[in-house]
Amino acid sequence: MGKSNNQNFVSIPFLKLIKQIQYKLIGNEVFLVYESYTSKCSFLDDEPIRKHKKYTGRRVNIGLFKSKKRILINADVNGAYNILRKVFPKAISVDGIEGVCEYPCSLNWKKQLKN
């Protein structure tokens, strides 16, 4: 991407972005969550999201997180699940997701393009 693109990309006015999201989602609740310790704690081991002297899992490569049970998961996915756990502590377990999403629907995008 280059240095000039990086400078433009990094300077996102976060407060303006947050206000715009809140404006677009008026009537819905918007949660602002700090991401501290979410990438260090293991979602798969149900580790509490806080500072520990020793964490149950660890990053093994760029983009890979290894749990205590030696299960590999994408590090960003692990962090995203932990952020979701911070907002909805009982919504997700290692066994699955409960009561967070609506039922998925199937879209036929080819049919939509013809109309």
C-alpha atoms as a PDB file:
ATOM      1  CA  MET A   1       0.000   0.000   0.000  1.00  0.00           C
ATOM      2  CA  GLY A   2       2.832   2.405   0.701  1.00  0.00           C
ATOM      3  CA  LYS A   3       3.678   5.079   3.215  1.00  0.00           C
ATOM      4  CA  SER A   4       1.196   7.696   1.974  1.00  0.00           C
ATOM      5  CA  ASN A   5      -1.741   5.271   2.098  1.00  0.00           C
ATOM      6  CA  ASN A   6      -0.754   4.109   5.584  1.00  0.00           C
ATOM      7  CA  GLN A   7      -0.733   7.697   6.834  1.00  0.00           C
ATOM      8  CA  ASN A   8      -4.193   8.305   5.390  1.00  0.00           C
ATOM      9  CA  PHE A   9      -5.557   5.030   6.750  1.00  0.00           C
ATOM     10  CA  VAL A  10      -4.220   5.416  10.289  1.00  0.00           C
ATOM     11  CA  SER A  11      -5.677   8.873  10.805  1.00  0.00           C
ATOM     12  CA  ILE A  12      -9.293   7.719  11.132  1.00  0.00           C
ATOM     13  CA  PRO A  13     -11.192  10.085  13.447  1.00  0.00           C
ATOM     14  CA  PHE A  14     -12.556   7.407  15.778  1.00  0.00           C
ATOM     15  CA  LEU A  15     -14.954   9.658  17.678  1.00  0.00           C
ATOM     16  CA  LYS A  16     -16.498  10.779  14.387  1.00  0.00           C
ATOM     17  CA  LEU A  17     -16.744   7.137  13.264  1.00  0.00           C
ATOM     18  CA  ILE A  18     -18.399   6.100  16.549  1.00  0.00           C
ATOM     19  CA  LYS A  19     -20.884   8.990  16.364  1.00  0.00           C
ATOM     20  CA  GLN A  20     -21.743   8.064  12.755  1.00  0.00           C
ATOM     21  CA  ILE A  21     -22.329   4.412  13.718  1.00  0.00           C
ATOM     22  CA  GLN A  22     -24.551   5.503  16.613  1.00  0.00           C
ATOM     23  CA  TYR A  23     -26.464   7.806  14.267  1.00  0.00           C
ATOM     24  CA  LYS A  24     -26.979   5.057  11.668  1.00  0.00           C
ATOM     25  CA  LEU A  25     -28.105   2.571  14.331  1.00  0.00           C
ATOM     26  CA  ILE A  26     -30.486   4.925  16.113  1.00  0.00           C
ATOM     27  CA  GLY A  27     -32.894   2.903  18.211  1.00  0.00           C
ATOM     28  CA  ASN A  28     -30.343   0.106  18.626  1.00  0.00           C
ATOM     29  CA  GLU A  29     -27.831  -0.213  21.421  1.00  0.00           C
ATOM     30  CA  VAL A  30     -24.184   0.389  20.514  1.00  0.00           C
ATOM     31  CA  PHE A  31     -21.570  -1.046  22.864  1.00  0.00           C
ATOM     32  CA  LEU A  32     -18.101   0.468  23.152  1.00  0.00           C
ATOM     33  CA  VAL A  33     -15.712  -2.206  24.394  1.00  0.00           C
ATOM     34  CA  TYR A  34     -12.047  -2.033  25.340  1.00  0.00           C
ATOM     35  CA  GLU A  35     -10.120  -4.855  23.741  1.00  0.00           C
ATOM     36  CA  SER A  36      -7.619  -5.265  26.581  1.00  0.00           C
ATOM     37  CA  TYR A  37      -6.479  -8.867  27.161  1.00  0.00           C
ATOM     38  CA  THR A  38      -8.893 -10.253  24.543  1.00  0.00           C
ATOM     39  CA  SER A  39      -6.122 -11.508  22.285  1.00  0.00           C
ATOM     40  CA  LYS A  40      -4.062 -13.006  25.128  1.00  0.00           C
ATOM     41  CA  CYS A  41      -6.866 -14.965  26.831  1.00  0.00           C
ATOM     42  CA  SER A  42      -8.056 -18.231  25.342  1.00  0.00           C
ATOM     43  CA  PHE A  43     -11.666 -18.354  24.207  1.00  0.00           C
ATOM     44  CA  LEU A  44     -11.519 -22.123  23.709  1.00  0.00           C
ATOM     45  CA  ASP A  45     -10.390 -22.689  27.301  1.00  0.00           C
ATOM     46  CA  ASP A  46     -13.037 -20.286  28.675  1.00  0.00           C
ATOM     47  CA  GLU A  47     -10.277 -18.282  30.342  1.00  0.00           C
ATOM     48  CA  PRO A  48     -11.476 -15.158  32.205  1.00  0.00           C
ATOM     49  CA  ILE A  49     -10.641 -12.007  30.241  1.00  0.00           C
ATOM     50  CA  ARG A  50      -8.244 -10.203  32.547  1.00  0.00           C
ATOM     51  CA  LYS A  51      -4.537  -9.954  33.272  1.00  0.00           C
ATOM     52  CA  HIS A  52      -2.944 -13.243  34.333  1.00  0.00           C
ATOM     53  CA  LYS A  53       0.564 -14.128  35.454  1.00  0.00           C
ATOM     54  CA  LYS A  54       0.395 -17.047  33.043  1.00  0.00           C
ATOM     55  CA  TYR A  55      -2.124 -17.415  30.219  1.00  0.00           C
ATOM     56  CA  THR A  56      -3.539 -20.816  29.223  1.00  0.00           C
ATOM     57  CA  GLY A  57      -2.999 -20.295  25.490  1.00  0.00           C
ATOM     58  CA  ARG A  58      -0.450 -18.452  23.402  1.00  0.00           C
ATOM     59  CA  ARG A  59       0.297 -17.156  19.926  1.00  0.00           C
ATOM     60  CA  VAL A  60       2.422 -19.611  17.997  1.00  0.00           C
ATOM     61  CA  ASN A  61       2.688 -17.797  14.673  1.00  0.00           C
ATOM     62  CA  ILE A  62       1.458 -14.627  13.121  1.00  0.00           C
ATOM     63  CA  GLY A  63      -2.290 -15.085  13.064  1.00  0.00           C
ATOM     64  CA  LEU A  64      -2.421 -18.390  14.978  1.00  0.00           C
ATOM     65  CA  PHE A  65      -3.378 -18.952  18.608  1.00  0.00           C
ATOM     66  CA  LYS A  66      -2.868 -22.294  20.373  1.00  0.00           C
ATOM     67  CA  SER A  67      -5.181 -23.168  23.259  1.00  0.00           C
ATOM     68  CA  LYS A  68      -4.303 -25.190  26.351  1.00  0.00           C
ATOM     69  CA  LYS A  69      -5.963 -28.166  24.645  1.00  0.00           C
ATOM     70  CA  ARG A  70      -3.558 -27.632  21.704  1.00  0.00           C
ATOM     71  CA  ILE A  71      -6.337 -26.552  19.361  1.00  0.00           C
ATOM     72  CA  LEU A  72      -5.250 -23.973  16.779  1.00  0.00           C
ATOM     73  CA  ILE A  73      -7.560 -21.059  16.042  1.00  0.00           C
ATOM     74  CA  ASN A  74      -7.076 -17.855  14.072  1.00  0.00           C
ATOM     75  CA  ALA A  75      -5.795 -15.250  16.557  1.00  0.00           C
ATOM     76  CA  ASP A  76      -8.205 -12.573  15.296  1.00  0.00           C
ATOM     77  CA  VAL A  77     -11.150 -14.963  15.672  1.00  0.00           C
ATOM     78  CA  ASN A  78     -10.051 -15.737  19.240  1.00  0.00           C
ATOM     79  CA  GLY A  79      -9.891 -12.005  20.012  1.00  0.00           C
ATOM     80  CA  ALA A  80     -13.263 -11.320  18.365  1.00  0.00           C
ATOM     81  CA  TYR A  81     -14.952 -14.078  20.370  1.00  0.00           C
ATOM     82  CA  ASN A  82     -13.458 -12.667  23.561  1.00  0.00           C
ATOM     83  CA  ILE A  83     -14.694  -9.158  22.732  1.00  0.00           C
ATOM     84  CA  LEU A  84     -18.163 -10.629  22.200  1.00  0.00           C
ATOM     85  CA  ARG A  85     -17.831 -12.467  25.532  1.00  0.00           C
ATOM     86  CA  LYS A  86     -17.084  -9.148  27.251  1.00  0.00           C
ATOM     87  CA  VAL A  87     -20.377  -7.677  26.031  1.00  0.00           C
ATOM     88  CA  PHE A  88     -22.559 -10.811  26.227  1.00  0.00           C
ATOM     89  CA  PRO A  89     -20.900 -13.130  28.788  1.00  0.00           C
ATOM     90  CA  LYS A  90     -23.504 -15.900  28.469  1.00  0.00           C
ATOM     91  CA  ALA A  91     -24.091 -15.671  24.712  1.00  0.00           C
ATOM     92  CA  ILE A  92     -21.203 -17.856  23.612  1.00  0.00           C
ATOM     93  CA  SER A  93     -19.781 -21.036  24.963  1.00  0.00           C
ATOM     94  CA  VAL A  94     -17.245 -23.367  23.431  1.00  0.00           C
ATOM     95  CA  ASP A  95     -20.210 -25.562  22.447  1.00  0.00           C
ATOM     96  CA  GLY A  96     -21.918 -22.894  20.352  1.00  0.00           C
ATOM     97  CA  ILE A  97     -23.750 -19.577  20.138  1.00  0.00           C
ATOM     98  CA  GLU A  98     -27.106 -19.090  21.814  1.00  0.00           C
ATOM     99  CA  GLY A  99     -29.610 -16.293  21.386  1.00  0.00           C
ATOM    100  CA  VAL A 100     -27.364 -13.761  19.666  1.00  0.00           C
ATOM    101  CA  CYS A 101     -28.298 -13.951  16.000  1.00  0.00           C
ATOM    102  CA  GLU A 102     -31.491 -14.347  14.071  1.00  0.00           C
ATOM    103  CA  TYR A 103     -31.951 -17.310  11.800  1.00  0.00           C
ATOM    104  CA  PRO A 104     -29.814 -17.008   8.680  1.00  0.00           C
ATOM    105  CA  CYS A 105     -31.591 -16.533   5.391  1.00  0.00           C
ATOM    106  CA  SER A 106     -30.504 -17.661   1.958  1.00  0.00           C
ATOM    107  CA  LEU A 107     -30.109 -15.087  -0.783  1.00  0.00           C
ATOM    108  CA  ASN A 108     -29.863 -15.839  -4.472  1.00  0.00           C
ATOM    109  CA  TRP A 109     -27.711 -12.960  -5.669  1.00  0.00           C
ATOM    110  CA  LYS A 110     -27.855 -14.065  -9.321  1.00  0.00           C
ATOM    111  CA  LYS A 111     -31.645 -13.808  -9.263  1.00  0.00           C
ATOM    112  CA  GLN A 112     -31.390 -10.374  -7.608  1.00  0.00           C
ATOM    113  CA  LEU A 113     -29.071  -9.126 -10.363  1.00  0.00           C
ATOM    114  CA  LYS A 114     -31.498 -10.169 -13.114  1.00  0.00           C
ATOM    115  CA  ASN A 115     -34.366  -8.163 -11.580  1.00  0.00           C
END
